[in-house]
């Protein structure tokens, strides 16, 4: 599943995703970075991608 699809399905905004990831993991990801990942402008580095995949329970398999 693509990250944007997961966000829509779970009614998450970029802001909520970054806030909840920070609360759960202590890692800070900018909303701008998430926006760029979803639009295909950039790809997350491996460290942040693993955090997103783990946070979503392995449901997200593609950034965009």
PDB file of N, CA and C in Angstrom:
ATOM      1  N   UNK A   1       0.850  -1.179   0.000  1.00  0.00           N
ATOM      2  CA  UNK A   1       0.000   0.000   0.000  1.00  0.00           C
ATOM      3  C   UNK A   1       0.893   1.238   0.000  1.00  0.00           C
ATOM      4  N   UNK A   2       0.470   2.233  -0.729  1.00  0.00           N
ATOM      5  CA  UNK A   2       1.206   3.495  -0.765  1.00  0.00           C
ATOM      6  C   UNK A   2       0.926   4.308   0.500  1.00  0.00           C
ATOM      7  N   UNK A   3       1.897   5.111   0.876  1.00  0.00           N
ATOM      8  CA  UNK A   3       1.763   5.917   2.084  1.00  0.00           C
ATOM      9  C   UNK A   3       0.537   6.825   2.011  1.00  0.00           C
ATOM     10  N   UNK A   4       0.316   7.483   0.898  1.00  0.00           N
ATOM     11  CA  UNK A   4      -0.836   8.387   0.775  1.00  0.00           C
ATOM     12  C   UNK A   4      -2.141   7.611   0.961  1.00  0.00           C
ATOM     13  N   UNK A   5      -2.219   6.411   0.411  1.00  0.00           N
ATOM     14  CA  UNK A   5      -3.427   5.593   0.567  1.00  0.00           C
ATOM     15  C   UNK A   5      -3.651   5.222   2.034  1.00  0.00           C
ATOM     16  N   UNK A   6      -2.573   4.890   2.729  1.00  0.00           N
ATOM     17  CA  UNK A   6      -2.685   4.557   4.154  1.00  0.00           C
ATOM     18  C   UNK A   6      -3.168   5.774   4.943  1.00  0.00           C
ATOM     19  N   UNK A   7      -2.610   6.927   4.627  1.00  0.00           N
ATOM     20  CA  UNK A   7      -3.016   8.155   5.313  1.00  0.00           C
ATOM     21  C   UNK A   7      -4.509   8.410   5.113  1.00  0.00           C
ATOM     22  N   UNK A   8      -4.976   8.296   3.878  1.00  0.00           N
ATOM     23  CA  UNK A   8      -6.401   8.526   3.588  1.00  0.00           C
ATOM     24  C   UNK A   8      -7.281   7.486   4.270  1.00  0.00           C
ATOM     25  N   UNK A   9      -6.894   6.231   4.184  1.00  0.00           N
ATOM     26  CA  UNK A   9      -7.687   5.145   4.763  1.00  0.00           C
ATOM     27  C   UNK A   9      -7.819   5.270   6.275  1.00  0.00           C
ATOM     28  N   UNK A  10      -6.765   5.765   6.904  1.00  0.00           N
ATOM     29  CA  UNK A  10      -6.744   5.878   8.366  1.00  0.00           C
ATOM     30  C   UNK A  10      -7.031   7.289   8.857  1.00  0.00           C
ATOM     31  N   UNK A  11      -7.443   8.152   7.933  1.00  0.00           N
ATOM     32  CA  UNK A  11      -7.795   9.535   8.251  1.00  0.00           C
ATOM     33  C   UNK A  11      -6.679  10.279   8.983  1.00  0.00           C
ATOM     34  N   UNK A  12      -5.476  10.134   8.450  1.00  0.00           N
ATOM     35  CA  UNK A  12      -4.291  10.802   8.987  1.00  0.00           C
ATOM     36  C   UNK A  12      -3.896  11.953   8.085  1.00  0.00           C
ATOM     37  N   UNK A  13      -3.561  13.074   8.673  1.00  0.00           N
ATOM     38  CA  UNK A  13      -2.940  14.176   7.935  1.00  0.00           C
ATOM     39  C   UNK A  13      -1.427  13.979   8.044  1.00  0.00           C
ATOM     40  N   UNK A  14      -0.677  14.738   7.258  1.00  0.00           N
ATOM     41  CA  UNK A  14       0.777  14.687   7.396  1.00  0.00           C
ATOM     42  C   UNK A  14       1.180  15.068   8.819  1.00  0.00           C
ATOM     43  N   UNK A  15       0.498  16.088   9.349  1.00  0.00           N
ATOM     44  CA  UNK A  15       0.815  16.570  10.693  1.00  0.00           C
ATOM     45  C   UNK A  15       0.564  15.501  11.755  1.00  0.00           C
ATOM     46  N   UNK A  16      -0.574  14.836  11.645  1.00  0.00           N
ATOM     47  CA  UNK A  16      -0.897  13.800  12.640  1.00  0.00           C
ATOM     48  C   UNK A  16       0.104  12.655  12.553  1.00  0.00           C
ATOM     49  N   UNK A  17       0.461  12.257  11.343  1.00  0.00           N
ATOM     50  CA  UNK A  17       1.434  11.175  11.187  1.00  0.00           C
ATOM     51  C   UNK A  17       2.750  11.526  11.859  1.00  0.00           C
ATOM     52  N   UNK A  18       3.268  12.724  11.564  1.00  0.00           N
ATOM     53  CA  UNK A  18       4.563  13.091  12.142  1.00  0.00           C
ATOM     54  C   UNK A  18       4.476  13.229  13.656  1.00  0.00           C
ATOM     55  N   UNK A  19       3.370  13.765  14.151  1.00  0.00           N
ATOM     56  CA  UNK A  19       3.189  13.914  15.601  1.00  0.00           C
ATOM     57  C   UNK A  19       3.115  12.540  16.281  1.00  0.00           C
ATOM     58  N   UNK A  20       2.338  11.618  15.717  1.00  0.00           N
ATOM     59  CA  UNK A  20       2.185  10.305  16.330  1.00  0.00           C
ATOM     60  C   UNK A  20       3.458   9.466  16.239  1.00  0.00           C
ATOM     61  N   UNK A  21       4.188   9.613  15.145  1.00  0.00           N
ATOM     62  CA  UNK A  21       5.478   8.914  15.041  1.00  0.00           C
ATOM     63  C   UNK A  21       6.426   9.441  16.113  1.00  0.00           C
ATOM     64  N   UNK A  22       6.428  10.755  16.305  1.00  0.00           N
ATOM     65  CA  UNK A  22       7.302  11.328  17.328  1.00  0.00           C
ATOM     66  C   UNK A  22       6.925  10.821  18.721  1.00  0.00           C
ATOM     67  N   UNK A  23       5.630  10.792  19.009  1.00  0.00           N
ATOM     68  CA  UNK A  23       5.173  10.315  20.318  1.00  0.00           C
ATOM     69  C   UNK A  23       5.553   8.860  20.562  1.00  0.00           C
ATOM     70  N   UNK A  24       5.453   8.046  19.510  1.00  0.00           N
ATOM     71  CA  UNK A  24       5.702   6.618  19.661  1.00  0.00           C
ATOM     72  C   UNK A  24       7.177   6.252  19.610  1.00  0.00           C
ATOM     73  N   UNK A  25       7.949   6.971  18.788  1.00  0.00           N
ATOM     74  CA  UNK A  25       9.337   6.561  18.564  1.00  0.00           C
ATOM     75  C   UNK A  25      10.382   7.564  19.038  1.00  0.00           C
ATOM     76  N   UNK A  26       9.977   8.839  19.171  1.00  0.00           N
ATOM     77  CA  UNK A  26      10.938   9.876  19.516  1.00  0.00           C
ATOM     78  C   UNK A  26      11.658  10.446  18.301  1.00  0.00           C
ATOM     79  N   UNK A  27      11.343   9.932  17.103  1.00  0.00           N
ATOM     80  CA  UNK A  27      11.959  10.446  15.884  1.00  0.00           C
ATOM     81  C   UNK A  27      11.107  11.562  15.305  1.00  0.00           C
ATOM     82  N   UNK A  28      11.760  12.627  14.925  1.00  0.00           N
ATOM     83  CA  UNK A  28      11.070  13.778  14.356  1.00  0.00           C
ATOM     84  C   UNK A  28      11.202  13.751  12.835  1.00  0.00           C
ATOM     85  N   UNK A  29      10.064  13.707  12.161  1.00  0.00           N
ATOM     86  CA  UNK A  29      10.019  13.754  10.703  1.00  0.00           C
ATOM     87  C   UNK A  29       9.189  14.979  10.342  1.00  0.00           C
ATOM     88  N   UNK A  30       9.668  15.767   9.410  1.00  0.00           N
ATOM     89  CA  UNK A  30       8.932  16.978   9.051  1.00  0.00           C
ATOM     90  C   UNK A  30       7.734  16.646   8.173  1.00  0.00           C
ATOM     91  N   UNK A  31       6.704  17.472   8.285  1.00  0.00           N
ATOM     92  CA  UNK A  31       5.525  17.283   7.433  1.00  0.00           C
ATOM     93  C   UNK A  31       5.895  17.534   5.970  1.00  0.00           C
ATOM     94  N   UNK A  32       6.830  18.406   5.749  1.00  0.00           N
ATOM     95  CA  UNK A  32       7.301  18.665   4.382  1.00  0.00           C
ATOM     96  C   UNK A  32       7.926  17.432   3.755  1.00  0.00           C
ATOM     97  N   UNK A  33       8.684  16.687   4.555  1.00  0.00           N
ATOM     98  CA  UNK A  33       9.292  15.459   4.047  1.00  0.00           C
ATOM     99  C   UNK A  33       8.219  14.447   3.670  1.00  0.00           C
ATOM    100  N   UNK A  34       7.215  14.288   4.531  1.00  0.00           N
ATOM    101  CA  UNK A  34       6.128  13.345   4.245  1.00  0.00           C
ATOM    102  C   UNK A  34       5.392  13.765   2.976  1.00  0.00           C
ATOM    103  N   UNK A  35       5.148  15.036   2.823  1.00  0.00           N
ATOM    104  CA  UNK A  35       4.486  15.552   1.624  1.00  0.00           C
ATOM    105  C   UNK A  35       5.290  15.220   0.372  1.00  0.00           C
ATOM    106  N   UNK A  36       6.584  15.417   0.434  1.00  0.00           N
ATOM    107  CA  UNK A  36       7.451  15.121  -0.714  1.00  0.00           C
ATOM    108  C   UNK A  36       7.486  13.626  -1.014  1.00  0.00           C
ATOM    109  N   UNK A  37       7.473  12.799   0.029  1.00  0.00           N
ATOM    110  CA  UNK A  37       7.445  11.350  -0.188  1.00  0.00           C
ATOM    111  C   UNK A  37       6.161  10.947  -0.904  1.00  0.00           C
ATOM    112  N   UNK A  38       5.034  11.487  -0.447  1.00  0.00           N
ATOM    113  CA  UNK A  38       3.735  11.126  -1.023  1.00  0.00           C
ATOM    114  C   UNK A  38       3.586  11.602  -2.461  1.00  0.00           C
ATOM    115  N   UNK A  39       4.218  12.714  -2.792  1.00  0.00           N
ATOM    116  CA  UNK A  39       4.102  13.251  -4.148  1.00  0.00           C
ATOM    117  C   UNK A  39       5.139  12.666  -5.097  1.00  0.00           C
ATOM    118  N   UNK A  40       6.119  11.955  -4.550  1.00  0.00           N
ATOM    119  CA  UNK A  40       7.161  11.373  -5.388  1.00  0.00           C
ATOM    120  C   UNK A  40       8.320  12.299  -5.671  1.00  0.00           C
ATOM    121  N   UNK A  41       8.350  13.462  -5.008  1.00  0.00           N
ATOM    122  CA  UNK A  41       9.453  14.408  -5.225  1.00  0.00           C
ATOM    123  C   UNK A  41      10.760  13.885  -4.643  1.00  0.00           C
ATOM    124  N   UNK A  42      10.670  13.197  -3.517  1.00  0.00           N
ATOM    125  CA  UNK A  42      11.848  12.583  -2.905  1.00  0.00           C
ATOM    126  C   UNK A  42      11.444  11.236  -2.326  1.00  0.00           C
ATOM    127  N   UNK A  43      12.443  10.445  -1.982  1.00  0.00           N
ATOM    128  CA  UNK A  43      12.199   9.178  -1.312  1.00  0.00           C
ATOM    129  C   UNK A  43      12.783   9.262   0.094  1.00  0.00           C
ATOM    130  N   UNK A  44      12.134   8.623   1.052  1.00  0.00           N
ATOM    131  CA  UNK A  44      12.690   8.635   2.407  1.00  0.00           C
ATOM    132  C   UNK A  44      13.967   7.809   2.462  1.00  0.00           C
ATOM    133  N   UNK A  45      14.877   8.224   3.345  1.00  0.00           N
ATOM    134  CA  UNK A  45      16.059   7.388   3.528  1.00  0.00           C
ATOM    135  C   UNK A  45      15.649   6.140   4.301  1.00  0.00           C
ATOM    136  N   UNK A  46      16.501   5.170   4.343  1.00  0.00           N
ATOM    137  CA  UNK A  46      16.172   3.870   4.929  1.00  0.00           C
ATOM    138  C   UNK A  46      15.763   3.980   6.393  1.00  0.00           C
ATOM    139  N   UNK A  47      16.448   4.822   7.143  1.00  0.00           N
ATOM    140  CA  UNK A  47      16.126   4.999   8.562  1.00  0.00           C
ATOM    141  C   UNK A  47      14.676   5.431   8.746  1.00  0.00           C
ATOM    142  N   UNK A  48      14.264   6.465   8.031  1.00  0.00           N
ATOM    143  CA  UNK A  48      12.899   6.970   8.181  1.00  0.00           C
ATOM    144  C   UNK A  48      11.877   6.038   7.548  1.00  0.00           C
ATOM    145  N   UNK A  49      12.257   5.384   6.477  1.00  0.00           N
ATOM    146  CA  UNK A  49      11.318   4.456   5.847  1.00  0.00           C
ATOM    147  C   UNK A  49      10.992   3.303   6.796  1.00  0.00           C
ATOM    148  N   UNK A  50      11.989   2.783   7.480  1.00  0.00           N
ATOM    149  CA  UNK A  50      11.751   1.703   8.451  1.00  0.00           C
ATOM    150  C   UNK A  50      10.814   2.172   9.559  1.00  0.00           C
ATOM    151  N   UNK A  51      10.956   3.406   9.983  1.00  0.00           N
ATOM    152  CA  UNK A  51      10.086   3.962  11.027  1.00  0.00           C
ATOM    153  C   UNK A  51       8.649   4.010  10.530  1.00  0.00           C
ATOM    154  N   UNK A  52       8.438   4.477   9.307  1.00  0.00           N
ATOM    155  CA  UNK A  52       7.088   4.567   8.743  1.00  0.00           C
ATOM    156  C   UNK A  52       6.477   3.179   8.587  1.00  0.00           C
ATOM    157  N   UNK A  53       7.240   2.245   8.053  1.00  0.00           N
ATOM    158  CA  UNK A  53       6.732   0.882   7.858  1.00  0.00           C
ATOM    159  C   UNK A  53       6.357   0.264   9.202  1.00  0.00           C
ATOM    160  N   UNK A  54       7.210   0.415  10.195  1.00  0.00           N
ATOM    161  CA  UNK A  54       6.916  -0.134  11.510  1.00  0.00           C
ATOM    162  C   UNK A  54       5.690   0.538  12.129  1.00  0.00           C
ATOM    163  N   UNK A  55       5.594   1.857  12.011  1.00  0.00           N
ATOM    164  CA  UNK A  55       4.475   2.599  12.584  1.00  0.00           C
ATOM    165  C   UNK A  55       3.147   2.149  11.983  1.00  0.00           C
ATOM    166  N   UNK A  56       3.149   1.828  10.692  1.00  0.00           N
ATOM    167  CA  UNK A  56       1.914   1.425  10.006  1.00  0.00           C
ATOM    168  C   UNK A  56       1.662  -0.072  10.089  1.00  0.00           C
ATOM    169  N   UNK A  57       2.440  -0.753  10.880  1.00  0.00           N
ATOM    170  CA  UNK A  57       2.247  -2.196  11.026  1.00  0.00           C
ATOM    171  C   UNK A  57       2.592  -2.979   9.774  1.00  0.00           C
ATOM    172  N   UNK A  58       3.484  -2.440   8.964  1.00  0.00           N
ATOM    173  CA  UNK A  58       3.913  -3.106   7.747  1.00  0.00           C
ATOM    174  C   UNK A  58       2.940  -2.959   6.585  1.00  0.00           C
ATOM    175  N   UNK A  59       1.903  -2.175   6.772  1.00  0.00           N
ATOM    176  CA  UNK A  59       0.901  -2.017   5.702  1.00  0.00           C
ATOM    177  C   UNK A  59       1.396  -1.142   4.566  1.00  0.00           C
ATOM    178  N   UNK A  60       2.242  -0.166   4.874  1.00  0.00           N
ATOM    179  CA  UNK A  60       2.792   0.707   3.827  1.00  0.00           C
ATOM    180  C   UNK A  60       4.042   0.046   3.265  1.00  0.00           C
ATOM    181  N   UNK A  61       4.031  -0.180   1.960  1.00  0.00           N
ATOM    182  CA  UNK A  61       5.171  -0.822   1.308  1.00  0.00           C
ATOM    183  C   UNK A  61       5.800   0.061   0.239  1.00  0.00           C
ATOM    184  N   UNK A  62       5.133   1.190  -0.072  1.00  0.00           N
ATOM    185  CA  UNK A  62       5.626   2.127  -1.091  1.00  0.00           C
ATOM    186  C   UNK A  62       5.431   3.555  -0.608  1.00  0.00           C
ATOM    187  N   UNK A  63       6.446   4.411  -0.825  1.00  0.00           N
ATOM    188  CA  UNK A  63       6.272   5.797  -0.401  1.00  0.00           C
ATOM    189  C   UNK A  63       5.267   6.556  -1.258  1.00  0.00           C
ATOM    190  N   UNK A  64       5.200   6.229  -2.546  1.00  0.00           N
ATOM    191  CA  UNK A  64       4.271   6.940  -3.451  1.00  0.00           C
ATOM    192  C   UNK A  64       3.830   6.042  -4.565  1.00  0.00           C
TER     193      UNK A  64
END
